[in-house]
Amino acid sequence: MFVTQTLEQEDFDEVKILTVWKSKQAFTDWLKSDVFKAAHKHVRSKNEDESSPIINNKVITYDIGYSYMK
């Protein structure tokens, strides 16, 4: 897992959580799991709770075209 924060944003902080999975099915199974639900049950965006620091969130999936680790 990687947690990234966009640099040089003046109006807000943009945080991205990046995870790598063995398969799309493994990821889908995790999204539907009780573990995921328990870990995210208190996460609320602004439209659900005005006091939340989260403006928006969404899940985006990517294919890895190339990987290099030093």
PDB file of N, CA and C in Angstrom:
ATOM      1  N   MET A   1       0.850  -1.174   0.000  1.00  0.00           N
ATOM      2  CA  MET A   1       0.000   0.000   0.000  1.00  0.00           C
ATOM      3  C   MET A   1       0.894   1.235   0.000  1.00  0.00           C
ATOM      4  N   PHE A   2       0.442   2.249  -0.715  1.00  0.00           N
ATOM      5  CA  PHE A   2       1.098   3.552  -0.735  1.00  0.00           C
ATOM      6  C   PHE A   2       0.051   4.601  -0.368  1.00  0.00           C
ATOM      7  N   VAL A   3       0.423   5.556   0.456  1.00  0.00           N
ATOM      8  CA  VAL A   3      -0.435   6.699   0.760  1.00  0.00           C
ATOM      9  C   VAL A   3       0.292   7.921   0.224  1.00  0.00           C
ATOM     10  N   THR A   4      -0.329   8.614  -0.733  1.00  0.00           N
ATOM     11  CA  THR A   4       0.311   9.774  -1.349  1.00  0.00           C
ATOM     12  C   THR A   4      -0.490  11.034  -1.049  1.00  0.00           C
ATOM     13  N   GLN A   5       0.204  12.144  -1.001  1.00  0.00           N
ATOM     14  CA  GLN A   5      -0.440  13.438  -0.824  1.00  0.00           C
ATOM     15  C   GLN A   5       0.082  14.372  -1.906  1.00  0.00           C
ATOM     16  N   THR A   6      -0.837  14.975  -2.653  1.00  0.00           N
ATOM     17  CA  THR A   6      -0.462  15.894  -3.714  1.00  0.00           C
ATOM     18  C   THR A   6       0.211  17.120  -3.111  1.00  0.00           C
ATOM     19  N   LEU A   7       1.332  17.512  -3.684  1.00  0.00           N
ATOM     20  CA  LEU A   7       2.084  18.670  -3.206  1.00  0.00           C
ATOM     21  C   LEU A   7       1.581  19.950  -3.861  1.00  0.00           C
ATOM     22  N   GLU A   8       1.763  21.047  -3.176  1.00  0.00           N
ATOM     23  CA  GLU A   8       1.507  22.394  -3.691  1.00  0.00           C
ATOM     24  C   GLU A   8       0.042  22.670  -4.036  1.00  0.00           C
ATOM     25  N   GLN A   9      -0.873  22.031  -3.333  1.00  0.00           N
ATOM     26  CA  GLN A   9      -2.291  22.369  -3.451  1.00  0.00           C
ATOM     27  C   GLN A   9      -2.580  23.440  -2.408  1.00  0.00           C
ATOM     28  N   GLU A  10      -3.163  24.536  -2.812  1.00  0.00           N
ATOM     29  CA  GLU A  10      -3.427  25.618  -1.864  1.00  0.00           C
ATOM     30  C   GLU A  10      -4.789  25.500  -1.189  1.00  0.00           C
ATOM     31  N   ASP A  11      -5.781  25.001  -1.901  1.00  0.00           N
ATOM     32  CA  ASP A  11      -7.145  25.002  -1.381  1.00  0.00           C
ATOM     33  C   ASP A  11      -7.494  23.771  -0.552  1.00  0.00           C
ATOM     34  N   PHE A  12      -6.809  22.653  -0.795  1.00  0.00           N
ATOM     35  CA  PHE A  12      -7.150  21.420  -0.095  1.00  0.00           C
ATOM     36  C   PHE A  12      -5.982  20.443  -0.191  1.00  0.00           C
ATOM     37  N   ASP A  13      -6.009  19.427   0.655  1.00  0.00           N
ATOM     38  CA  ASP A  13      -5.037  18.332   0.586  1.00  0.00           C
ATOM     39  C   ASP A  13      -5.676  17.192  -0.194  1.00  0.00           C
ATOM     40  N   GLU A  14      -4.955  16.649  -1.151  1.00  0.00           N
ATOM     41  CA  GLU A  14      -5.442  15.498  -1.909  1.00  0.00           C
ATOM     42  C   GLU A  14      -4.620  14.287  -1.497  1.00  0.00           C
ATOM     43  N   VAL A  15      -5.287  13.306  -0.923  1.00  0.00           N
ATOM     44  CA  VAL A  15      -4.629  12.092  -0.462  1.00  0.00           C
ATOM     45  C   VAL A  15      -5.144  10.928  -1.296  1.00  0.00           C
ATOM     46  N   LYS A  16      -4.222  10.091  -1.764  1.00  0.00           N
ATOM     47  CA  LYS A  16      -4.598   8.907  -2.532  1.00  0.00           C
ATOM     48  C   LYS A  16      -4.010   7.679  -1.847  1.00  0.00           C
ATOM     49  N   ILE A  17      -4.822   6.649  -1.753  1.00  0.00           N
ATOM     50  CA  ILE A  17      -4.397   5.370  -1.214  1.00  0.00           C
ATOM     51  C   ILE A  17      -4.262   4.420  -2.397  1.00  0.00           C
ATOM     52  N   LEU A  18      -3.067   3.876  -2.583  1.00  0.00           N
ATOM     53  CA  LEU A  18      -2.810   2.983  -3.710  1.00  0.00           C
ATOM     54  C   LEU A  18      -2.488   1.594  -3.176  1.00  0.00           C
ATOM     55  N   THR A  19      -3.214   0.599  -3.642  1.00  0.00           N
ATOM     56  CA  THR A  19      -2.962  -0.778  -3.240  1.00  0.00           C
ATOM     57  C   THR A  19      -2.748  -1.626  -4.485  1.00  0.00           C
ATOM     58  N   VAL A  20      -2.005  -2.709  -4.337  1.00  0.00           N
ATOM     59  CA  VAL A  20      -1.749  -3.638  -5.438  1.00  0.00           C
ATOM     60  C   VAL A  20      -2.303  -4.997  -5.028  1.00  0.00           C
ATOM     61  N   TRP A  21      -3.056  -5.608  -5.925  1.00  0.00           N
ATOM     62  CA  TRP A  21      -3.729  -6.873  -5.651  1.00  0.00           C
ATOM     63  C   TRP A  21      -3.279  -7.949  -6.624  1.00  0.00           C
ATOM     64  N   LYS A  22      -3.340  -9.206  -6.196  1.00  0.00           N
ATOM     65  CA  LYS A  22      -2.968 -10.327  -7.076  1.00  0.00           C
ATOM     66  C   LYS A  22      -3.913 -10.449  -8.259  1.00  0.00           C
ATOM     67  N   SER A  23      -5.174 -10.095  -8.041  1.00  0.00           N
ATOM     68  CA  SER A  23      -6.164 -10.194  -9.114  1.00  0.00           C
ATOM     69  C   SER A  23      -7.292  -9.209  -8.851  1.00  0.00           C
ATOM     70  N   LYS A  24      -8.050  -8.912  -9.902  1.00  0.00           N
ATOM     71  CA  LYS A  24      -9.209  -8.037  -9.735  1.00  0.00           C
ATOM     72  C   LYS A  24     -10.233  -8.703  -8.816  1.00  0.00           C
ATOM     73  N   GLN A  25     -10.360 -10.020  -8.915  1.00  0.00           N
ATOM     74  CA  GLN A  25     -11.306 -10.744  -8.068  1.00  0.00           C
ATOM     75  C   GLN A  25     -10.931 -10.624  -6.597  1.00  0.00           C
ATOM     76  N   ALA A  26      -9.642 -10.692  -6.284  1.00  0.00           N
ATOM     77  CA  ALA A  26      -9.197 -10.538  -4.892  1.00  0.00           C
ATOM     78  C   ALA A  26      -9.582  -9.162  -4.358  1.00  0.00           C
ATOM     79  N   PHE A  27      -9.423  -8.137  -5.192  1.00  0.00           N
ATOM     80  CA  PHE A  27      -9.797  -6.777  -4.799  1.00  0.00           C
ATOM     81  C   PHE A  27     -11.306  -6.670  -4.598  1.00  0.00           C
ATOM     82  N   THR A  28     -12.073  -7.207  -5.540  1.00  0.00           N
ATOM     83  CA  THR A  28     -13.536  -7.170  -5.448  1.00  0.00           C
ATOM     84  C   THR A  28     -14.019  -7.896  -4.198  1.00  0.00           C
ATOM     85  N   ASP A  29     -13.432  -9.050  -3.922  1.00  0.00           N
ATOM     86  CA  ASP A  29     -13.804  -9.801  -2.713  1.00  0.00           C
ATOM     87  C   ASP A  29     -13.509  -8.988  -1.460  1.00  0.00           C
ATOM     88  N   TRP A  30     -12.376  -8.280  -1.434  1.00  0.00           N
ATOM     89  CA  TRP A  30     -12.028  -7.447  -0.282  1.00  0.00           C
ATOM     90  C   TRP A  30     -13.023  -6.301  -0.117  1.00  0.00           C
ATOM     91  N   LEU A  31     -13.415  -5.663  -1.237  1.00  0.00           N
ATOM     92  CA  LEU A  31     -14.389  -4.562  -1.162  1.00  0.00           C
ATOM     93  C   LEU A  31     -15.710  -5.008  -0.546  1.00  0.00           C
ATOM     94  N   LYS A  32     -16.073  -6.251  -0.761  1.00  0.00           N
ATOM     95  CA  LYS A  32     -17.344  -6.787  -0.256  1.00  0.00           C
ATOM     96  C   LYS A  32     -17.205  -7.427   1.127  1.00  0.00           C
ATOM     97  N   SER A  33     -15.994  -7.473   1.652  1.00  0.00           N
ATOM     98  CA  SER A  33     -15.733  -8.199   2.896  1.00  0.00           C
ATOM     99  C   SER A  33     -16.173  -7.432   4.142  1.00  0.00           C
ATOM    100  N   ASP A  34     -16.370  -8.179   5.213  1.00  0.00           N
ATOM    101  CA  ASP A  34     -16.682  -7.576   6.510  1.00  0.00           C
ATOM    102  C   ASP A  34     -15.496  -6.756   7.028  1.00  0.00           C
ATOM    103  N   VAL A  35     -14.279  -7.173   6.693  1.00  0.00           N
ATOM    104  CA  VAL A  35     -13.077  -6.439   7.107  1.00  0.00           C
ATOM    105  C   VAL A  35     -13.097  -5.034   6.511  1.00  0.00           C
ATOM    106  N   PHE A  36     -13.392  -4.922   5.217  1.00  0.00           N
ATOM    107  CA  PHE A  36     -13.470  -3.614   4.561  1.00  0.00           C
ATOM    108  C   PHE A  36     -14.581  -2.773   5.186  1.00  0.00           C
ATOM    109  N   LYS A  37     -15.754  -3.372   5.347  1.00  0.00           N
ATOM    110  CA  LYS A  37     -16.897  -2.638   5.906  1.00  0.00           C
ATOM    111  C   LYS A  37     -16.590  -2.115   7.308  1.00  0.00           C
ATOM    112  N   ALA A  38     -15.953  -2.937   8.124  1.00  0.00           N
ATOM    113  CA  ALA A  38     -15.622  -2.515   9.489  1.00  0.00           C
ATOM    114  C   ALA A  38     -14.596  -1.380   9.482  1.00  0.00           C
ATOM    115  N   ALA A  39     -13.617  -1.460   8.590  1.00  0.00           N
ATOM    116  CA  ALA A  39     -12.568  -0.437   8.540  1.00  0.00           C
ATOM    117  C   ALA A  39     -13.079   0.898   8.019  1.00  0.00           C
ATOM    118  N   HIS A  40     -14.154   0.881   7.242  1.00  0.00           N
ATOM    119  CA  HIS A  40     -14.638   2.097   6.595  1.00  0.00           C
ATOM    120  C   HIS A  40     -16.018   2.550   7.084  1.00  0.00           C
ATOM    121  N   LYS A  41     -16.533   1.947   8.146  1.00  0.00           N
ATOM    122  CA  LYS A  41     -17.901   2.261   8.564  1.00  0.00           C
ATOM    123  C   LYS A  41     -18.073   3.690   9.079  1.00  0.00           C
ATOM    124  N   HIS A  42     -17.001   4.318   9.543  1.00  0.00           N
ATOM    125  CA  HIS A  42     -17.115   5.683  10.068  1.00  0.00           C
ATOM    126  C   HIS A  42     -16.651   6.753   9.078  1.00  0.00           C
ATOM    127  N   VAL A  43     -16.277   6.345   7.881  1.00  0.00           N
ATOM    128  CA  VAL A  43     -15.810   7.300   6.871  1.00  0.00           C
ATOM    129  C   VAL A  43     -17.018   8.008   6.267  1.00  0.00           C
ATOM    130  N   ARG A  44     -17.040   9.313   6.359  1.00  0.00           N
ATOM    131  CA  ARG A  44     -18.145  10.120   5.833  1.00  0.00           C
ATOM    132  C   ARG A  44     -17.580  11.273   5.024  1.00  0.00           C
ATOM    133  N   SER A  45     -18.243  11.586   3.934  1.00  0.00           N
ATOM    134  CA  SER A  45     -17.839  12.749   3.143  1.00  0.00           C
ATOM    135  C   SER A  45     -18.675  13.956   3.565  1.00  0.00           C
ATOM    136  N   LYS A  46     -18.323  15.119   3.052  1.00  0.00           N
ATOM    137  CA  LYS A  46     -19.012  16.373   3.418  1.00  0.00           C
ATOM    138  C   LYS A  46     -20.522  16.298   3.194  1.00  0.00           C
ATOM    139  N   ASN A  47     -20.951  15.634   2.102  1.00  0.00           N
ATOM    140  CA  ASN A  47     -22.390  15.589   1.836  1.00  0.00           C
ATOM    141  C   ASN A  47     -23.136  14.705   2.837  1.00  0.00           C
ATOM    142  N   GLU A  48     -22.423  13.850   3.573  1.00  0.00           N
ATOM    143  CA  GLU A  48     -23.042  13.021   4.603  1.00  0.00           C
ATOM    144  C   GLU A  48     -22.887  13.618   6.002  1.00  0.00           C
ATOM    145  N   ASP A  49     -21.809  14.366   6.197  1.00  0.00           N
ATOM    146  CA  ASP A  49     -21.501  14.930   7.512  1.00  0.00           C
ATOM    147  C   ASP A  49     -20.691  16.209   7.304  1.00  0.00           C
ATOM    148  N   GLU A  50     -21.279  17.342   7.572  1.00  0.00           N
ATOM    149  CA  GLU A  50     -20.641  18.641   7.304  1.00  0.00           C
ATOM    150  C   GLU A  50     -19.311  18.808   8.032  1.00  0.00           C
ATOM    151  N   SER A  51     -19.120  18.131   9.157  1.00  0.00           N
ATOM    152  CA  SER A  51     -17.871  18.271   9.905  1.00  0.00           C
ATOM    153  C   SER A  51     -16.738  17.396   9.346  1.00  0.00           C
ATOM    154  N   SER A  52     -17.038  16.551   8.378  1.00  0.00           N
ATOM    155  CA  SER A  52     -16.021  15.663   7.812  1.00  0.00           C
ATOM    156  C   SER A  52     -14.982  16.448   7.007  1.00  0.00           C
ATOM    157  N   PRO A  53     -13.705  16.071   7.131  1.00  0.00           N
ATOM    158  CA  PRO A  53     -12.676  16.719   6.309  1.00  0.00           C
ATOM    159  C   PRO A  53     -12.633  16.159   4.883  1.00  0.00           C
ATOM    160  N   ILE A  54     -13.382  15.093   4.618  1.00  0.00           N
ATOM    161  CA  ILE A  54     -13.371  14.447   3.303  1.00  0.00           C
ATOM    162  C   ILE A  54     -14.361  15.137   2.384  1.00  0.00           C
ATOM    163  N   ILE A  55     -13.851  15.720   1.301  1.00  0.00           N
ATOM    164  CA  ILE A  55     -14.714  16.389   0.325  1.00  0.00           C
ATOM    165  C   ILE A  55     -15.380  15.354  -0.562  1.00  0.00           C
ATOM    166  N   ASN A  56     -14.605  14.383  -1.017  1.00  0.00           N
ATOM    167  CA  ASN A  56     -15.109  13.375  -1.936  1.00  0.00           C
ATOM    168  C   ASN A  56     -14.187  12.163  -1.877  1.00  0.00           C
ATOM    169  N   ASN A  57     -14.711  11.014  -2.216  1.00  0.00           N
ATOM    170  CA  ASN A  57     -13.861   9.842  -2.393  1.00  0.00           C
ATOM    171  C   ASN A  57     -14.486   8.919  -3.427  1.00  0.00           C
ATOM    172  N   LYS A  58     -13.643   8.202  -4.130  1.00  0.00           N
ATOM    173  CA  LYS A  58     -14.132   7.224  -5.098  1.00  0.00           C
ATOM    174  C   LYS A  58     -13.037   6.203  -5.350  1.00  0.00           C
ATOM    175  N   VAL A  59     -13.460   5.035  -5.806  1.00  0.00           N
ATOM    176  CA  VAL A  59     -12.539   3.951  -6.118  1.00  0.00           C
ATOM    177  C   VAL A  59     -12.281   3.969  -7.619  1.00  0.00           C
ATOM    178  N   ILE A  60     -11.006   4.012  -7.982  1.00  0.00           N
ATOM    179  CA  ILE A  60     -10.586   3.964  -9.381  1.00  0.00           C
ATOM    180  C   ILE A  60      -9.618   2.801  -9.516  1.00  0.00           C
ATOM    181  N   THR A  61      -9.786   1.985 -10.544  1.00  0.00           N
ATOM    182  CA  THR A  61      -8.874   0.866 -10.753  1.00  0.00           C
ATOM    183  C   THR A  61      -7.985   1.130 -11.966  1.00  0.00           C
ATOM    184  N   TYR A  62      -6.775   0.595 -11.894  1.00  0.00           N
ATOM    185  CA  TYR A  62      -5.775   0.777 -12.949  1.00  0.00           C
ATOM    186  C   TYR A  62      -5.114  -0.564 -13.253  1.00  0.00           C
ATOM    187  N   ASP A  63      -4.582  -0.697 -14.445  1.00  0.00           N
ATOM    188  CA  ASP A  63      -3.671  -1.784 -14.781  1.00  0.00           C
ATOM    189  C   ASP A  63      -2.255  -1.240 -14.654  1.00  0.00           C
ATOM    190  N   ILE A  64      -1.337  -2.072 -14.182  1.00  0.00           N
ATOM    191  CA  ILE A  64       0.060  -1.664 -14.098  1.00  0.00           C
ATOM    192  C   ILE A  64       0.725  -2.022 -15.423  1.00  0.00           C
ATOM    193  N   GLY A  65       1.162  -1.009 -16.152  1.00  0.00           N
ATOM    194  CA  GLY A  65       1.813  -1.222 -17.433  1.00  0.00           C
ATOM    195  C   GLY A  65       3.280  -1.579 -17.288  1.00  0.00           C
ATOM    196  N   TYR A  66       3.904  -1.068 -16.241  1.00  0.00           N
ATOM    197  CA  TYR A  66       5.325  -1.319 -16.009  1.00  0.00           C
ATOM    198  C   TYR A  66       5.612  -1.081 -14.536  1.00  0.00           C
ATOM    199  N   SER A  67       6.470  -1.879 -13.970  1.00  0.00           N
ATOM    200  CA  SER A  67       6.835  -1.724 -12.568  1.00  0.00           C
ATOM    201  C   SER A  67       8.349  -1.840 -12.417  1.00  0.00           C
ATOM    202  N   TYR A  68       8.936  -0.933 -11.660  1.00  0.00           N
ATOM    203  CA  TYR A  68      10.368  -0.967 -11.367  1.00  0.00           C
ATOM    204  C   TYR A  68      10.553  -0.602  -9.908  1.00  0.00           C
ATOM    205  N   MET A  69      11.140  -1.488  -9.162  1.00  0.00           N
ATOM    206  CA  MET A  69      11.434  -1.219  -7.762  1.00  0.00           C
ATOM    207  C   MET A  69      12.936  -1.329  -7.580  1.00  0.00           C
ATOM    208  N   LYS A  70      13.526  -0.333  -6.965  1.00  0.00           N
ATOM    209  CA  LYS A  70      14.973  -0.300  -6.769  1.00  0.00           C
ATOM    210  C   LYS A  70      15.338  -0.848  -5.423  1.00  0.00           C
TER     211      LYS A  70
END
